[in-house]
Amino acid sequence: MRRWRRQEAGTRTSGQVALAVITGCPIEGIIERVGHSHHTTTRELARVLDHYGYLCPSRCVRAKNPREMPKLALAQVHSQYSSRWHWVVVENGRIFDGVWGDAYGVVDWPRDFRITCYLPIED
């Protein structure tokens, strides 16, 4: 079972927090492995997951129906009012979001947030 992690206020580390949730490693170790503590790319996330023994593609898959997600995935959430994105972990229908979520895998996103793509992960 995955353990939810809170993203520190004012940081842009959603990718690193998501990796910490998946791997169970401390966020400081993940930041060190990624090489920085700001926005992460899909390839950076895939490289770190590969280092920890997880299999995933280096490119996201478009989410045609967000209700039909793989068992485990890193998902990208977009807002229609912003060009920014946010990474979350999806596991068996629960969403682990360090900003708008809780330890039970429940999120309280703004209305315009949508999962647009994801990296399917095999452990």
N, C-alpha and C. Protein backbone atom coordinates (compact mmCIF):
# COMPACT_ATOMS: atom_id res chain seq x y z
N MET A 1 0.85 -1.19 0.00
CA MET A 1 0.00 0.00 0.00
C MET A 1 0.89 1.24 0.00
N ARG A 2 0.55 2.18 -0.84
CA ARG A 2 1.31 3.43 -0.96
C ARG A 2 1.03 4.34 0.22
N ARG A 3 2.02 5.14 0.57
CA ARG A 3 1.87 6.11 1.65
C ARG A 3 1.87 7.52 1.08
N TRP A 4 0.83 8.26 1.34
CA TRP A 4 0.67 9.63 0.86
C TRP A 4 1.75 10.52 1.44
N ARG A 5 2.21 11.48 0.65
CA ARG A 5 3.20 12.47 1.09
C ARG A 5 2.66 13.86 0.76
N ARG A 6 2.89 14.78 1.69
CA ARG A 6 2.47 16.16 1.47
C ARG A 6 3.56 16.91 0.70
N GLN A 7 3.14 17.72 -0.26
CA GLN A 7 4.06 18.60 -0.98
C GLN A 7 4.18 19.89 -0.20
N GLU A 8 5.39 20.31 0.07
CA GLU A 8 5.61 21.54 0.82
C GLU A 8 5.01 22.73 0.07
N ALA A 9 4.36 23.62 0.80
CA ALA A 9 3.72 24.80 0.20
C ALA A 9 4.74 25.65 -0.54
N GLY A 10 4.36 26.14 -1.70
CA GLY A 10 5.21 27.02 -2.48
C GLY A 10 6.28 26.33 -3.29
N THR A 11 6.33 24.99 -3.25
CA THR A 11 7.33 24.27 -4.04
C THR A 11 6.72 23.76 -5.34
N ARG A 12 7.56 23.39 -6.25
CA ARG A 12 7.13 22.82 -7.53
C ARG A 12 7.71 21.41 -7.66
N THR A 13 7.44 20.61 -6.65
CA THR A 13 8.04 19.28 -6.56
C THR A 13 7.01 18.15 -6.67
N SER A 14 5.93 18.37 -7.39
CA SER A 14 4.91 17.31 -7.46
C SER A 14 5.47 16.03 -8.06
N GLY A 15 6.35 16.12 -9.04
CA GLY A 15 6.96 14.93 -9.62
C GLY A 15 7.80 14.17 -8.62
N GLN A 16 8.60 14.90 -7.85
CA GLN A 16 9.44 14.27 -6.84
C GLN A 16 8.59 13.65 -5.73
N VAL A 17 7.53 14.34 -5.33
CA VAL A 17 6.63 13.80 -4.30
C VAL A 17 5.96 12.52 -4.82
N ALA A 18 5.53 12.54 -6.07
CA ALA A 18 4.89 11.35 -6.65
C ALA A 18 5.88 10.17 -6.68
N LEU A 19 7.13 10.44 -7.04
CA LEU A 19 8.13 9.37 -7.03
C LEU A 19 8.35 8.82 -5.63
N ALA A 20 8.34 9.70 -4.63
CA ALA A 20 8.50 9.25 -3.24
C ALA A 20 7.33 8.36 -2.82
N VAL A 21 6.13 8.68 -3.28
CA VAL A 21 4.96 7.86 -2.97
C VAL A 21 5.12 6.48 -3.61
N ILE A 22 5.53 6.42 -4.85
CA ILE A 22 5.65 5.15 -5.55
C ILE A 22 6.77 4.29 -4.97
N THR A 23 7.94 4.89 -4.77
CA THR A 23 9.12 4.11 -4.35
C THR A 23 9.18 3.88 -2.85
N GLY A 24 8.53 4.73 -2.06
CA GLY A 24 8.63 4.65 -0.61
C GLY A 24 9.91 5.26 -0.07
N CYS A 25 10.68 5.92 -0.93
CA CYS A 25 11.94 6.56 -0.53
C CYS A 25 11.67 7.95 0.03
N PRO A 26 12.59 8.47 0.86
CA PRO A 26 12.44 9.84 1.36
C PRO A 26 12.51 10.86 0.22
N ILE A 27 11.76 11.93 0.35
CA ILE A 27 11.72 12.96 -0.69
C ILE A 27 13.10 13.54 -0.96
N GLU A 28 13.94 13.69 0.08
CA GLU A 28 15.29 14.24 -0.11
C GLU A 28 16.12 13.35 -1.04
N GLY A 29 15.99 12.04 -0.89
CA GLY A 29 16.71 11.12 -1.76
C GLY A 29 16.22 11.17 -3.18
N ILE A 30 14.91 11.34 -3.35
CA ILE A 30 14.33 11.46 -4.69
C ILE A 30 14.80 12.74 -5.35
N ILE A 31 14.80 13.85 -4.62
CA ILE A 31 15.27 15.12 -5.18
C ILE A 31 16.73 14.98 -5.62
N GLU A 32 17.53 14.32 -4.82
CA GLU A 32 18.93 14.10 -5.17
C GLU A 32 19.04 13.25 -6.44
N ARG A 33 18.24 12.20 -6.54
CA ARG A 33 18.27 11.32 -7.71
C ARG A 33 17.81 12.05 -8.97
N VAL A 34 16.76 12.89 -8.85
CA VAL A 34 16.28 13.65 -10.00
C VAL A 34 17.31 14.70 -10.39
N GLY A 35 17.95 15.31 -9.39
CA GLY A 35 18.99 16.30 -9.66
C GLY A 35 18.56 17.74 -9.43
N HIS A 36 17.31 17.94 -9.04
CA HIS A 36 16.82 19.30 -8.76
C HIS A 36 15.49 19.23 -8.01
N SER A 37 15.05 20.38 -7.53
CA SER A 37 13.80 20.45 -6.76
C SER A 37 12.81 21.42 -7.40
N HIS A 38 12.63 21.28 -8.70
CA HIS A 38 11.63 22.09 -9.41
C HIS A 38 10.93 21.19 -10.43
N HIS A 39 10.20 21.77 -11.36
CA HIS A 39 9.42 21.00 -12.34
C HIS A 39 10.21 19.83 -12.91
N THR A 40 9.54 18.68 -13.03
CA THR A 40 10.18 17.50 -13.61
C THR A 40 9.57 17.17 -14.97
N THR A 41 10.39 16.60 -15.82
CA THR A 41 9.90 16.16 -17.12
C THR A 41 9.50 14.69 -17.03
N THR A 42 8.77 14.25 -18.01
CA THR A 42 8.36 12.86 -18.07
C THR A 42 9.58 11.95 -18.14
N ARG A 43 10.55 12.32 -18.94
CA ARG A 43 11.77 11.50 -19.07
C ARG A 43 12.54 11.42 -17.76
N GLU A 44 12.61 12.51 -17.00
CA GLU A 44 13.28 12.47 -15.70
C GLU A 44 12.58 11.48 -14.77
N LEU A 45 11.26 11.54 -14.74
CA LEU A 45 10.50 10.63 -13.88
C LEU A 45 10.71 9.18 -14.31
N ALA A 46 10.66 8.91 -15.61
CA ALA A 46 10.86 7.56 -16.12
C ALA A 46 12.26 7.04 -15.79
N ARG A 47 13.26 7.91 -15.88
CA ARG A 47 14.64 7.52 -15.57
C ARG A 47 14.78 7.12 -14.11
N VAL A 48 14.19 7.89 -13.20
CA VAL A 48 14.27 7.58 -11.78
C VAL A 48 13.49 6.30 -11.47
N LEU A 49 12.32 6.14 -12.06
CA LEU A 49 11.55 4.90 -11.84
C LEU A 49 12.35 3.69 -12.31
N ASP A 50 13.01 3.82 -13.45
CA ASP A 50 13.85 2.74 -13.96
C ASP A 50 14.97 2.41 -12.97
N HIS A 51 15.58 3.42 -12.40
CA HIS A 51 16.65 3.22 -11.41
C HIS A 51 16.15 2.37 -10.23
N TYR A 52 14.91 2.58 -9.82
CA TYR A 52 14.34 1.84 -8.68
C TYR A 52 13.68 0.52 -9.10
N GLY A 53 13.80 0.14 -10.37
CA GLY A 53 13.29 -1.16 -10.81
C GLY A 53 11.87 -1.18 -11.31
N TYR A 54 11.28 -0.03 -11.56
CA TYR A 54 9.92 0.04 -12.10
C TYR A 54 9.98 0.16 -13.61
N LEU A 55 9.07 -0.49 -14.30
CA LEU A 55 9.01 -0.42 -15.76
C LEU A 55 7.93 0.57 -16.18
N CYS A 56 8.32 1.49 -17.07
CA CYS A 56 7.35 2.44 -17.62
C CYS A 56 7.92 3.02 -18.91
N PRO A 57 7.06 3.51 -19.78
CA PRO A 57 7.56 4.16 -21.00
C PRO A 57 8.17 5.52 -20.66
N SER A 58 8.90 6.10 -21.61
CA SER A 58 9.49 7.42 -21.37
C SER A 58 8.58 8.54 -21.88
N ARG A 59 7.42 8.17 -22.40
CA ARG A 59 6.44 9.15 -22.85
C ARG A 59 5.07 8.82 -22.26
N CYS A 60 4.32 9.87 -22.02
CA CYS A 60 2.98 9.70 -21.47
C CYS A 60 2.00 9.14 -22.50
N VAL A 61 0.99 8.47 -22.00
CA VAL A 61 -0.12 7.96 -22.79
C VAL A 61 -1.29 8.91 -22.57
N ARG A 62 -1.94 9.30 -23.64
CA ARG A 62 -3.09 10.20 -23.51
C ARG A 62 -4.22 9.50 -22.76
N ALA A 63 -4.82 10.21 -21.82
CA ALA A 63 -5.92 9.65 -21.02
C ALA A 63 -7.23 9.92 -21.74
N LYS A 64 -7.70 8.93 -22.48
CA LYS A 64 -8.96 9.08 -23.19
C LYS A 64 -10.12 9.07 -22.22
N ASN A 65 -10.05 8.17 -21.24
CA ASN A 65 -11.08 8.10 -20.21
C ASN A 65 -10.36 7.94 -18.87
N PRO A 66 -10.22 9.02 -18.09
CA PRO A 66 -9.48 8.96 -16.82
C PRO A 66 -10.02 7.92 -15.84
N ARG A 67 -11.23 7.44 -16.04
CA ARG A 67 -11.78 6.42 -15.15
C ARG A 67 -11.20 5.03 -15.47
N GLU A 68 -10.58 4.91 -16.65
CA GLU A 68 -9.99 3.65 -17.06
C GLU A 68 -8.47 3.77 -17.04
N MET A 69 -7.92 3.84 -15.85
CA MET A 69 -6.48 3.98 -15.68
C MET A 69 -5.87 2.61 -15.35
N PRO A 70 -4.57 2.45 -15.60
CA PRO A 70 -3.92 1.21 -15.19
C PRO A 70 -3.89 1.09 -13.67
N LYS A 71 -3.50 -0.08 -13.18
CA LYS A 71 -3.45 -0.32 -11.74
C LYS A 71 -2.57 0.71 -11.03
N LEU A 72 -1.42 1.04 -11.62
CA LEU A 72 -0.50 2.02 -11.05
C LEU A 72 -0.02 2.94 -12.16
N ALA A 73 -0.07 4.25 -11.92
CA ALA A 73 0.37 5.22 -12.93
C ALA A 73 0.77 6.53 -12.28
N LEU A 74 1.64 7.23 -12.97
CA LEU A 74 1.95 8.62 -12.65
C LEU A 74 1.10 9.42 -13.63
N ALA A 75 0.21 10.25 -13.14
CA ALA A 75 -0.70 10.98 -14.02
C ALA A 75 -0.41 12.46 -13.99
N GLN A 76 -0.62 13.10 -15.13
CA GLN A 76 -0.44 14.54 -15.26
C GLN A 76 -1.82 15.20 -15.21
N VAL A 77 -1.94 16.18 -14.34
CA VAL A 77 -3.19 16.91 -14.17
C VAL A 77 -2.99 18.32 -14.73
N HIS A 78 -3.93 18.75 -15.55
CA HIS A 78 -3.88 20.10 -16.13
C HIS A 78 -5.11 20.90 -15.72
N SER A 79 -4.94 22.21 -15.72
CA SER A 79 -6.04 23.14 -15.51
C SER A 79 -6.34 23.82 -16.84
N GLN A 80 -7.59 24.02 -17.13
CA GLN A 80 -7.92 24.69 -18.39
C GLN A 80 -7.56 26.17 -18.35
N TYR A 81 -7.30 26.71 -17.16
CA TYR A 81 -6.98 28.13 -17.03
C TYR A 81 -5.49 28.41 -16.90
N SER A 82 -4.66 27.37 -16.98
CA SER A 82 -3.23 27.55 -16.80
C SER A 82 -2.48 26.58 -17.69
N SER A 83 -1.27 26.94 -18.07
CA SER A 83 -0.46 26.03 -18.88
C SER A 83 0.37 25.10 -18.00
N ARG A 84 0.29 25.26 -16.70
CA ARG A 84 1.05 24.41 -15.79
C ARG A 84 0.41 23.04 -15.66
N TRP A 85 1.21 22.09 -15.23
CA TRP A 85 0.71 20.75 -14.94
C TRP A 85 1.17 20.34 -13.57
N HIS A 86 0.61 19.24 -13.11
CA HIS A 86 0.84 18.75 -11.75
C HIS A 86 0.86 17.22 -11.83
N TRP A 87 1.83 16.58 -11.17
CA TRP A 87 1.93 15.12 -11.16
C TRP A 87 1.24 14.54 -9.94
N VAL A 88 0.54 13.43 -10.13
CA VAL A 88 -0.09 12.68 -9.04
C VAL A 88 0.12 11.19 -9.28
N VAL A 89 -0.08 10.39 -8.25
CA VAL A 89 -0.01 8.94 -8.37
C VAL A 89 -1.44 8.41 -8.36
N VAL A 90 -1.73 7.52 -9.30
CA VAL A 90 -3.03 6.85 -9.34
C VAL A 90 -2.77 5.37 -9.10
N GLU A 91 -3.44 4.82 -8.09
CA GLU A 91 -3.30 3.40 -7.80
C GLU A 91 -4.67 2.82 -7.45
N ASN A 92 -5.11 1.88 -8.26
CA ASN A 92 -6.40 1.20 -8.02
C ASN A 92 -7.54 2.18 -7.75
N GLY A 93 -7.62 3.23 -8.54
CA GLY A 93 -8.71 4.19 -8.41
C GLY A 93 -8.50 5.28 -7.37
N ARG A 94 -7.46 5.16 -6.55
CA ARG A 94 -7.16 6.22 -5.57
C ARG A 94 -6.14 7.17 -6.18
N ILE A 95 -6.22 8.43 -5.81
CA ILE A 95 -5.30 9.44 -6.34
C ILE A 95 -4.52 10.04 -5.18
N PHE A 96 -3.20 9.88 -5.23
CA PHE A 96 -2.33 10.43 -4.20
C PHE A 96 -1.77 11.75 -4.71
N ASP A 97 -2.29 12.84 -4.19
CA ASP A 97 -1.91 14.19 -4.59
C ASP A 97 -1.41 14.92 -3.35
N GLY A 98 -0.15 15.37 -3.40
CA GLY A 98 0.48 16.02 -2.25
C GLY A 98 -0.03 17.40 -1.93
N VAL A 99 -0.85 17.98 -2.81
CA VAL A 99 -1.39 19.32 -2.57
C VAL A 99 -2.88 19.28 -2.27
N TRP A 100 -3.65 18.66 -3.17
CA TRP A 100 -5.11 18.66 -3.04
C TRP A 100 -5.67 17.33 -2.57
N GLY A 101 -4.82 16.43 -2.08
CA GLY A 101 -5.30 15.11 -1.69
C GLY A 101 -5.09 14.81 -0.22
N ASP A 102 -5.44 13.58 0.15
CA ASP A 102 -5.24 13.14 1.53
C ASP A 102 -4.69 11.72 1.54
N ALA A 103 -4.45 11.21 2.73
CA ALA A 103 -3.83 9.90 2.90
C ALA A 103 -4.74 8.76 2.43
N TYR A 104 -6.01 9.01 2.19
CA TYR A 104 -6.94 7.98 1.76
C TYR A 104 -7.08 7.89 0.24
N GLY A 105 -6.35 8.74 -0.47
CA GLY A 105 -6.43 8.73 -1.93
C GLY A 105 -7.61 9.49 -2.48
N VAL A 106 -8.10 10.44 -1.72
CA VAL A 106 -9.22 11.27 -2.14
C VAL A 106 -8.70 12.67 -2.43
N VAL A 107 -9.14 13.27 -3.54
CA VAL A 107 -8.69 14.62 -3.91
C VAL A 107 -9.84 15.60 -3.90
N ASP A 108 -9.50 16.85 -3.67
CA ASP A 108 -10.46 17.96 -3.74
C ASP A 108 -9.88 18.99 -4.69
N TRP A 109 -9.90 18.66 -5.99
CA TRP A 109 -9.33 19.52 -7.01
C TRP A 109 -10.26 20.67 -7.36
N PRO A 110 -9.67 21.77 -7.85
CA PRO A 110 -10.51 22.80 -8.46
C PRO A 110 -11.29 22.18 -9.62
N ARG A 111 -12.41 22.75 -9.96
CA ARG A 111 -13.33 22.18 -10.96
C ARG A 111 -12.69 21.97 -12.33
N ASP A 112 -11.71 22.80 -12.68
CA ASP A 112 -11.15 22.73 -14.03
C ASP A 112 -9.97 21.76 -14.14
N PHE A 113 -9.62 21.04 -13.08
CA PHE A 113 -8.51 20.08 -13.12
C PHE A 113 -8.94 18.79 -13.81
N ARG A 114 -8.08 18.28 -14.69
CA ARG A 114 -8.36 17.04 -15.40
C ARG A 114 -7.07 16.25 -15.57
N ILE A 115 -7.16 14.92 -15.46
CA ILE A 115 -6.04 14.06 -15.81
C ILE A 115 -6.02 14.00 -17.33
N THR A 116 -4.90 14.39 -17.92
CA THR A 116 -4.82 14.43 -19.38
C THR A 116 -3.95 13.32 -19.96
N CYS A 117 -2.96 12.85 -19.19
CA CYS A 117 -2.11 11.78 -19.67
C CYS A 117 -1.47 11.08 -18.47
N TYR A 118 -0.81 9.95 -18.73
CA TYR A 118 -0.22 9.19 -17.62
C TYR A 118 0.92 8.30 -18.11
N LEU A 119 1.73 7.90 -17.18
CA LEU A 119 2.77 6.89 -17.39
C LEU A 119 2.32 5.61 -16.70
N PRO A 120 1.97 4.56 -17.44
CA PRO A 120 1.62 3.30 -16.77
C PRO A 120 2.89 2.71 -16.15
N ILE A 121 2.79 2.18 -14.96
CA ILE A 121 3.96 1.67 -14.24
C ILE A 121 3.73 0.21 -13.84
N GLU A 122 4.75 -0.59 -14.05
CA GLU A 122 4.73 -1.98 -13.59
C GLU A 122 5.79 -2.13 -12.52
N ASP A 123 5.39 -2.66 -11.34
CA ASP A 123 6.42 -2.86 -10.32
C ASP A 123 6.90 -4.28 -10.28
